[in-house]
Amino acid sequence: MQIEPNITFHNIQRSPAVEAKILERVERMDRLFPNLTSCRVLIEAGHRHQHQGNLIHVRIDVTAPGHELVANREPGKHHAHEDVYVAIRDAFDAMDRQVEDLARLMRGDVKKHEAPQRRPSEAGPEEQAPSE
C-alpha cells in the first residue's frame, strides 16, 4: 500500500489491540493486491439499547487506480457484531473478496462472455422453414 491506513474510532474507545488487528488485515489485503492507494477504516459503536449491548458498525473504504471499493458491515439482527473483532473480521472478509475480484479483473483473468450463437436446430418454430 502506498500510504498508511486511516483508522477512526467513533463512540468507542481507541484500542491498540483492535488497531493491531486492523493493520494485520490491511497487510493481508495489500498482499492480495499491492496497487492499493488508500485505506480508511471506521469503527463505530451504536447506542446502547435496553435488551442488547453496543452493536459495532465497520466501514472500509479502499482505493486503487481507477477504482473505489467499500465494505459496509451494519450490525445485524443476530447481534453478532457486539464483538468488535467479529465485526472487523466480517468487514475485512467482504473487502478481501472485492479486492480479489479487482485483482482478477486487472490481470485479465475475468472472462467476458459473448452472447451464445444459436444453431439452426435450436431455432424457434417461427424461424424454421415450413415443412410440406
N, C-alpha and C. Protein backbone atom coordinates (compact mmCIF):
# COMPACT_ATOMS: atom_id res chain seq x y z
N MET A 1 0.85 -1.17 0.00
CA MET A 1 0.00 0.00 0.00
C MET A 1 0.89 1.23 0.00
N GLN A 2 0.47 2.21 -0.72
CA GLN A 2 1.30 3.39 -0.90
C GLN A 2 1.23 4.38 0.26
N ILE A 3 0.17 4.31 1.08
CA ILE A 3 0.09 5.18 2.25
C ILE A 3 -0.44 4.38 3.43
N GLU A 4 -0.25 4.92 4.62
CA GLU A 4 -0.73 4.26 5.83
C GLU A 4 -2.25 4.28 5.90
N PRO A 5 -2.86 3.23 6.42
CA PRO A 5 -4.32 3.24 6.57
C PRO A 5 -4.76 4.26 7.62
N ASN A 6 -5.92 4.83 7.40
CA ASN A 6 -6.51 5.80 8.32
C ASN A 6 -7.56 5.05 9.14
N ILE A 7 -7.35 4.92 10.44
CA ILE A 7 -8.27 4.19 11.32
C ILE A 7 -8.95 5.19 12.24
N THR A 8 -10.29 5.19 12.22
CA THR A 8 -11.06 6.14 13.03
C THR A 8 -12.00 5.37 13.94
N PHE A 9 -12.06 5.77 15.20
CA PHE A 9 -12.99 5.19 16.17
C PHE A 9 -14.04 6.25 16.50
N HIS A 10 -15.30 5.86 16.51
CA HIS A 10 -16.38 6.79 16.82
C HIS A 10 -17.28 6.14 17.86
N ASN A 11 -17.48 6.82 18.98
CA ASN A 11 -18.28 6.32 20.11
C ASN A 11 -17.73 5.02 20.68
N ILE A 12 -16.46 4.80 20.49
CA ILE A 12 -15.80 3.61 21.04
C ILE A 12 -14.36 3.99 21.37
N GLN A 13 -13.86 3.46 22.46
CA GLN A 13 -12.52 3.82 22.89
C GLN A 13 -11.47 3.19 21.96
N ARG A 14 -10.47 4.00 21.60
CA ARG A 14 -9.37 3.51 20.75
C ARG A 14 -8.63 2.41 21.51
N SER A 15 -8.31 1.34 20.79
CA SER A 15 -7.65 0.20 21.43
C SER A 15 -6.45 -0.22 20.58
N PRO A 16 -5.27 -0.31 21.20
CA PRO A 16 -4.09 -0.78 20.45
C PRO A 16 -4.28 -2.19 19.89
N ALA A 17 -4.98 -3.06 20.60
CA ALA A 17 -5.20 -4.42 20.12
C ALA A 17 -6.10 -4.43 18.89
N VAL A 18 -7.14 -3.60 18.90
CA VAL A 18 -8.03 -3.51 17.75
C VAL A 18 -7.28 -2.91 16.57
N GLU A 19 -6.49 -1.87 16.81
CA GLU A 19 -5.70 -1.28 15.73
C GLU A 19 -4.72 -2.29 15.15
N ALA A 20 -4.11 -3.11 16.01
CA ALA A 20 -3.17 -4.12 15.53
C ALA A 20 -3.88 -5.14 14.64
N LYS A 21 -5.10 -5.54 15.01
CA LYS A 21 -5.87 -6.49 14.21
C LYS A 21 -6.20 -5.88 12.85
N ILE A 22 -6.59 -4.60 12.85
CA ILE A 22 -6.91 -3.92 11.59
C ILE A 22 -5.68 -3.84 10.71
N LEU A 23 -4.53 -3.46 11.28
CA LEU A 23 -3.30 -3.36 10.50
C LEU A 23 -2.89 -4.73 9.93
N GLU A 24 -3.11 -5.78 10.70
CA GLU A 24 -2.82 -7.14 10.23
C GLU A 24 -3.67 -7.47 9.00
N ARG A 25 -4.96 -7.14 9.06
CA ARG A 25 -5.86 -7.42 7.94
C ARG A 25 -5.55 -6.53 6.73
N VAL A 26 -5.12 -5.29 6.97
CA VAL A 26 -4.75 -4.40 5.87
C VAL A 26 -3.51 -4.94 5.16
N GLU A 27 -2.53 -5.44 5.93
CA GLU A 27 -1.33 -6.02 5.33
C GLU A 27 -1.69 -7.24 4.47
N ARG A 28 -2.60 -8.05 4.97
CA ARG A 28 -3.04 -9.23 4.22
C ARG A 28 -3.71 -8.80 2.90
N MET A 29 -4.54 -7.78 2.98
CA MET A 29 -5.22 -7.26 1.80
C MET A 29 -4.20 -6.69 0.81
N ASP A 30 -3.17 -6.05 1.31
CA ASP A 30 -2.13 -5.48 0.46
C ASP A 30 -1.37 -6.58 -0.27
N ARG A 31 -1.22 -7.75 0.35
CA ARG A 31 -0.57 -8.88 -0.34
C ARG A 31 -1.45 -9.40 -1.47
N LEU A 32 -2.78 -9.32 -1.29
CA LEU A 32 -3.69 -9.76 -2.35
C LEU A 32 -3.59 -8.86 -3.58
N PHE A 33 -3.43 -7.55 -3.34
CA PHE A 33 -3.41 -6.58 -4.43
C PHE A 33 -2.55 -5.39 -3.99
N PRO A 34 -1.27 -5.39 -4.35
CA PRO A 34 -0.35 -4.36 -3.85
C PRO A 34 -0.54 -2.97 -4.46
N ASN A 35 -1.45 -2.79 -5.41
CA ASN A 35 -1.64 -1.48 -6.03
C ASN A 35 -2.64 -0.60 -5.29
N LEU A 36 -3.05 -0.97 -4.10
CA LEU A 36 -4.00 -0.17 -3.34
C LEU A 36 -3.34 1.16 -2.98
N THR A 37 -4.11 2.24 -3.10
CA THR A 37 -3.53 3.57 -2.85
C THR A 37 -3.97 4.17 -1.52
N SER A 38 -5.11 3.73 -0.99
CA SER A 38 -5.53 4.23 0.32
C SER A 38 -6.49 3.25 0.97
N CYS A 39 -6.57 3.37 2.28
CA CYS A 39 -7.49 2.53 3.05
C CYS A 39 -7.95 3.33 4.26
N ARG A 40 -9.27 3.45 4.38
CA ARG A 40 -9.87 4.13 5.54
C ARG A 40 -10.78 3.12 6.24
N VAL A 41 -10.62 3.02 7.55
CA VAL A 41 -11.43 2.10 8.35
C VAL A 41 -12.12 2.90 9.44
N LEU A 42 -13.44 2.75 9.51
CA LEU A 42 -14.23 3.40 10.55
C LEU A 42 -14.82 2.33 11.45
N ILE A 43 -14.57 2.43 12.74
CA ILE A 43 -15.16 1.53 13.74
C ILE A 43 -16.09 2.41 14.57
N GLU A 44 -17.36 2.05 14.59
CA GLU A 44 -18.34 2.90 15.27
C GLU A 44 -19.26 2.03 16.12
N ALA A 45 -19.48 2.47 17.35
CA ALA A 45 -20.41 1.79 18.24
C ALA A 45 -21.74 2.53 18.21
N GLY A 46 -22.81 1.77 18.07
CA GLY A 46 -24.14 2.37 18.11
C GLY A 46 -24.53 2.67 19.54
N HIS A 47 -25.72 3.16 19.70
CA HIS A 47 -26.20 3.49 21.04
C HIS A 47 -26.68 2.23 21.73
N ARG A 48 -26.48 2.19 23.04
CA ARG A 48 -26.94 1.04 23.81
C ARG A 48 -28.46 0.99 23.84
N HIS A 49 -28.97 -0.21 23.70
CA HIS A 49 -30.41 -0.43 23.81
C HIS A 49 -30.66 -1.26 25.06
N GLN A 50 -31.90 -1.28 25.50
CA GLN A 50 -32.23 -1.94 26.76
C GLN A 50 -31.91 -3.44 26.73
N HIS A 51 -32.13 -4.10 25.58
CA HIS A 51 -32.01 -5.55 25.54
C HIS A 51 -30.73 -6.03 24.86
N GLN A 52 -29.84 -5.14 24.51
CA GLN A 52 -28.62 -5.57 23.82
C GLN A 52 -27.50 -4.61 24.15
N GLY A 53 -26.27 -5.05 23.92
CA GLY A 53 -25.12 -4.19 24.12
C GLY A 53 -24.90 -3.31 22.92
N ASN A 54 -23.74 -2.68 22.89
CA ASN A 54 -23.39 -1.85 21.74
C ASN A 54 -23.18 -2.72 20.50
N LEU A 55 -23.83 -2.36 19.43
CA LEU A 55 -23.59 -3.04 18.17
C LEU A 55 -22.54 -2.25 17.40
N ILE A 56 -21.59 -2.96 16.81
CA ILE A 56 -20.45 -2.33 16.16
C ILE A 56 -20.68 -2.26 14.65
N HIS A 57 -20.43 -1.12 14.08
CA HIS A 57 -20.52 -0.90 12.64
C HIS A 57 -19.09 -0.67 12.13
N VAL A 58 -18.72 -1.40 11.08
CA VAL A 58 -17.39 -1.24 10.48
C VAL A 58 -17.56 -0.88 9.01
N ARG A 59 -16.86 0.16 8.59
CA ARG A 59 -16.87 0.56 7.18
C ARG A 59 -15.43 0.66 6.72
N ILE A 60 -15.15 0.04 5.57
CA ILE A 60 -13.81 0.06 4.99
C ILE A 60 -13.92 0.66 3.59
N ASP A 61 -13.13 1.70 3.33
CA ASP A 61 -13.05 2.32 2.00
C ASP A 61 -11.63 2.10 1.50
N VAL A 62 -11.51 1.49 0.33
CA VAL A 62 -10.21 1.22 -0.26
C VAL A 62 -10.21 1.81 -1.66
N THR A 63 -9.10 2.44 -2.03
CA THR A 63 -8.99 2.93 -3.40
C THR A 63 -7.78 2.29 -4.07
N ALA A 64 -7.95 2.06 -5.35
CA ALA A 64 -6.90 1.57 -6.24
C ALA A 64 -7.01 2.44 -7.49
N PRO A 65 -6.00 2.46 -8.33
CA PRO A 65 -6.08 3.30 -9.53
C PRO A 65 -7.36 3.02 -10.34
N GLY A 66 -8.23 4.02 -10.40
CA GLY A 66 -9.45 3.91 -11.18
C GLY A 66 -10.60 3.18 -10.49
N HIS A 67 -10.44 2.80 -9.23
CA HIS A 67 -11.48 2.02 -8.54
C HIS A 67 -11.59 2.46 -7.08
N GLU A 68 -12.82 2.41 -6.59
CA GLU A 68 -13.06 2.63 -5.15
C GLU A 68 -13.95 1.49 -4.67
N LEU A 69 -13.52 0.83 -3.61
CA LEU A 69 -14.25 -0.30 -3.05
C LEU A 69 -14.72 0.06 -1.66
N VAL A 70 -15.92 -0.40 -1.31
CA VAL A 70 -16.48 -0.12 0.01
C VAL A 70 -17.07 -1.40 0.58
N ALA A 71 -16.70 -1.70 1.82
CA ALA A 71 -17.34 -2.78 2.57
C ALA A 71 -17.98 -2.12 3.77
N ASN A 72 -19.26 -2.30 3.90
CA ASN A 72 -20.04 -1.60 4.93
C ASN A 72 -20.81 -2.65 5.70
N ARG A 73 -20.34 -3.02 6.87
CA ARG A 73 -20.99 -4.06 7.65
C ARG A 73 -21.80 -3.44 8.79
N GLU A 74 -23.11 -3.41 8.57
CA GLU A 74 -24.02 -2.92 9.61
C GLU A 74 -24.30 -4.07 10.58
N PRO A 75 -24.51 -3.76 11.84
CA PRO A 75 -24.85 -4.82 12.77
C PRO A 75 -26.18 -5.47 12.39
N GLY A 76 -26.20 -6.76 12.41
CA GLY A 76 -27.39 -7.49 12.01
C GLY A 76 -28.33 -7.76 13.17
N LYS A 77 -29.39 -8.45 12.87
CA LYS A 77 -30.40 -8.79 13.88
C LYS A 77 -29.87 -9.82 14.88
N HIS A 78 -28.82 -10.54 14.49
CA HIS A 78 -28.34 -11.64 15.33
C HIS A 78 -27.34 -11.20 16.39
N HIS A 79 -27.05 -9.93 16.43
CA HIS A 79 -26.16 -9.35 17.44
C HIS A 79 -24.76 -9.94 17.38
N ALA A 80 -24.37 -10.45 16.21
CA ALA A 80 -23.02 -10.99 16.06
C ALA A 80 -21.98 -9.89 16.14
N HIS A 81 -22.40 -8.66 15.86
CA HIS A 81 -21.43 -7.57 15.84
C HIS A 81 -21.38 -6.80 17.15
N GLU A 82 -21.73 -7.46 18.25
CA GLU A 82 -21.48 -6.86 19.56
C GLU A 82 -20.00 -6.98 19.89
N ASP A 83 -19.31 -7.93 19.24
CA ASP A 83 -17.88 -8.12 19.42
C ASP A 83 -17.15 -7.39 18.30
N VAL A 84 -16.29 -6.46 18.66
CA VAL A 84 -15.60 -5.64 17.66
C VAL A 84 -14.75 -6.50 16.73
N TYR A 85 -14.18 -7.59 17.25
CA TYR A 85 -13.33 -8.44 16.41
C TYR A 85 -14.13 -9.20 15.36
N VAL A 86 -15.35 -9.60 15.71
CA VAL A 86 -16.23 -10.27 14.74
C VAL A 86 -16.64 -9.27 13.66
N ALA A 87 -16.96 -8.06 14.05
CA ALA A 87 -17.35 -7.03 13.08
C ALA A 87 -16.19 -6.73 12.13
N ILE A 88 -14.98 -6.63 12.66
CA ILE A 88 -13.80 -6.37 11.84
C ILE A 88 -13.56 -7.54 10.89
N ARG A 89 -13.65 -8.76 11.40
CA ARG A 89 -13.45 -9.94 10.57
C ARG A 89 -14.43 -9.97 9.40
N ASP A 90 -15.71 -9.75 9.70
CA ASP A 90 -16.73 -9.80 8.65
C ASP A 90 -16.51 -8.71 7.60
N ALA A 91 -16.19 -7.51 8.04
CA ALA A 91 -15.98 -6.41 7.10
C ALA A 91 -14.75 -6.67 6.22
N PHE A 92 -13.66 -7.14 6.82
CA PHE A 92 -12.46 -7.39 6.04
C PHE A 92 -12.62 -8.61 5.14
N ASP A 93 -13.39 -9.61 5.55
CA ASP A 93 -13.67 -10.74 4.67
C ASP A 93 -14.39 -10.27 3.42
N ALA A 94 -15.36 -9.38 3.60
CA ALA A 94 -16.10 -8.83 2.45
C ALA A 94 -15.17 -8.00 1.56
N MET A 95 -14.30 -7.20 2.18
CA MET A 95 -13.38 -6.38 1.40
C MET A 95 -12.35 -7.24 0.67
N ASP A 96 -11.88 -8.30 1.32
CA ASP A 96 -10.93 -9.21 0.67
C ASP A 96 -11.53 -9.80 -0.61
N ARG A 97 -12.81 -10.18 -0.56
CA ARG A 97 -13.46 -10.72 -1.76
C ARG A 97 -13.49 -9.67 -2.87
N GLN A 98 -13.79 -8.43 -2.53
CA GLN A 98 -13.82 -7.37 -3.54
C GLN A 98 -12.42 -7.11 -4.11
N VAL A 99 -11.42 -7.12 -3.25
CA VAL A 99 -10.04 -6.88 -3.70
C VAL A 99 -9.58 -8.03 -4.60
N GLU A 100 -9.92 -9.27 -4.24
CA GLU A 100 -9.57 -10.42 -5.07
C GLU A 100 -10.24 -10.31 -6.44
N ASP A 101 -11.51 -9.91 -6.46
CA ASP A 101 -12.21 -9.72 -7.74
C ASP A 101 -11.54 -8.64 -8.58
N LEU A 102 -11.15 -7.54 -7.96
CA LEU A 102 -10.48 -6.46 -8.68
C LEU A 102 -9.13 -6.94 -9.22
N ALA A 103 -8.39 -7.70 -8.42
CA ALA A 103 -7.09 -8.21 -8.87
C ALA A 103 -7.27 -9.11 -10.09
N ARG A 104 -8.28 -9.99 -10.07
CA ARG A 104 -8.55 -10.85 -11.22
C ARG A 104 -8.93 -10.02 -12.44
N LEU A 105 -9.73 -9.01 -12.24
CA LEU A 105 -10.14 -8.14 -13.34
C LEU A 105 -8.94 -7.42 -13.96
N MET A 106 -8.06 -6.90 -13.11
CA MET A 106 -6.89 -6.17 -13.59
C MET A 106 -5.90 -7.10 -14.30
N ARG A 107 -5.81 -8.36 -13.87
CA ARG A 107 -4.92 -9.33 -14.53
C ARG A 107 -5.52 -9.85 -15.82
N GLY A 108 -6.82 -9.63 -16.01
CA GLY A 108 -7.48 -10.15 -17.20
C GLY A 108 -7.96 -11.58 -17.04
N ASP A 109 -8.04 -12.05 -15.80
CA ASP A 109 -8.50 -13.41 -15.54
C ASP A 109 -10.01 -13.55 -15.64
N VAL A 110 -10.72 -12.44 -15.69
CA VAL A 110 -12.17 -12.47 -15.77
C VAL A 110 -12.56 -12.54 -17.24
N LYS A 111 -13.28 -13.59 -17.60
CA LYS A 111 -13.68 -13.75 -19.00
C LYS A 111 -14.93 -12.94 -19.26
N LYS A 112 -14.95 -12.36 -20.43
CA LYS A 112 -16.15 -11.65 -20.86
C LYS A 112 -16.87 -12.58 -21.83
N HIS A 113 -18.06 -12.97 -21.47
CA HIS A 113 -18.83 -13.90 -22.29
C HIS A 113 -19.62 -13.15 -23.34
N GLU A 114 -19.58 -13.67 -24.55
CA GLU A 114 -20.38 -13.09 -25.61
C GLU A 114 -21.70 -13.83 -25.66
N ALA A 115 -22.66 -13.23 -26.32
CA ALA A 115 -23.97 -13.86 -26.46
C ALA A 115 -23.80 -15.18 -27.22
N PRO A 116 -24.42 -16.25 -26.74
CA PRO A 116 -24.27 -17.53 -27.43
C PRO A 116 -24.91 -17.48 -28.81
N GLN A 117 -24.25 -18.14 -29.74
CA GLN A 117 -24.80 -18.20 -31.10
C GLN A 117 -25.67 -19.45 -31.18
N ARG A 118 -26.83 -19.29 -31.78
CA ARG A 118 -27.75 -20.40 -31.87
C ARG A 118 -27.51 -21.18 -33.15
N ARG A 119 -27.61 -22.47 -33.03
CA ARG A 119 -27.51 -23.33 -34.21
C ARG A 119 -28.88 -23.41 -34.87
N PRO A 120 -28.93 -23.72 -36.16
CA PRO A 120 -30.22 -23.80 -36.85
C PRO A 120 -31.18 -24.79 -36.20
N SER A 121 -30.67 -25.86 -35.62
CA SER A 121 -31.56 -26.85 -34.99
C SER A 121 -32.19 -26.30 -33.72
N GLU A 122 -31.61 -25.22 -33.15
CA GLU A 122 -32.15 -24.63 -31.94
C GLU A 122 -33.09 -23.47 -32.23
N ALA A 123 -33.30 -23.18 -33.51
CA ALA A 123 -34.16 -22.05 -33.88
C ALA A 123 -35.58 -22.34 -33.44
N GLY A 124 -36.27 -21.29 -33.07
CA GLY A 124 -37.66 -21.43 -32.63
C GLY A 124 -38.54 -21.77 -33.81
N PRO A 125 -39.81 -22.14 -33.59
CA PRO A 125 -40.72 -22.56 -34.66
C PRO A 125 -40.94 -21.47 -35.70
N GLU A 126 -40.92 -20.21 -35.28
CA GLU A 126 -41.14 -19.13 -36.24
C GLU A 126 -39.94 -18.94 -37.15
N GLU A 127 -38.77 -19.43 -36.73
CA GLU A 127 -37.56 -19.25 -37.53
C GLU A 127 -37.28 -20.44 -38.45
N GLN A 128 -37.95 -21.57 -38.24
CA GLN A 128 -37.71 -22.76 -39.04
C GLN A 128 -38.52 -22.67 -40.34
N ALA A 129 -38.00 -23.30 -41.37
CA ALA A 129 -38.69 -23.32 -42.65
C ALA A 129 -39.94 -24.20 -42.52
N PRO A 130 -41.05 -23.81 -43.13
CA PRO A 130 -42.27 -24.61 -43.01
C PRO A 130 -42.08 -25.96 -43.71
N SER A 131 -42.57 -26.96 -43.08
CA SER A 131 -42.48 -28.30 -43.68
C SER A 131 -43.69 -28.54 -44.56
N GLU A 132 -43.50 -29.30 -45.63
CA GLU A 132 -44.57 -29.52 -46.61
C GLU A 132 -45.25 -30.82 -46.41
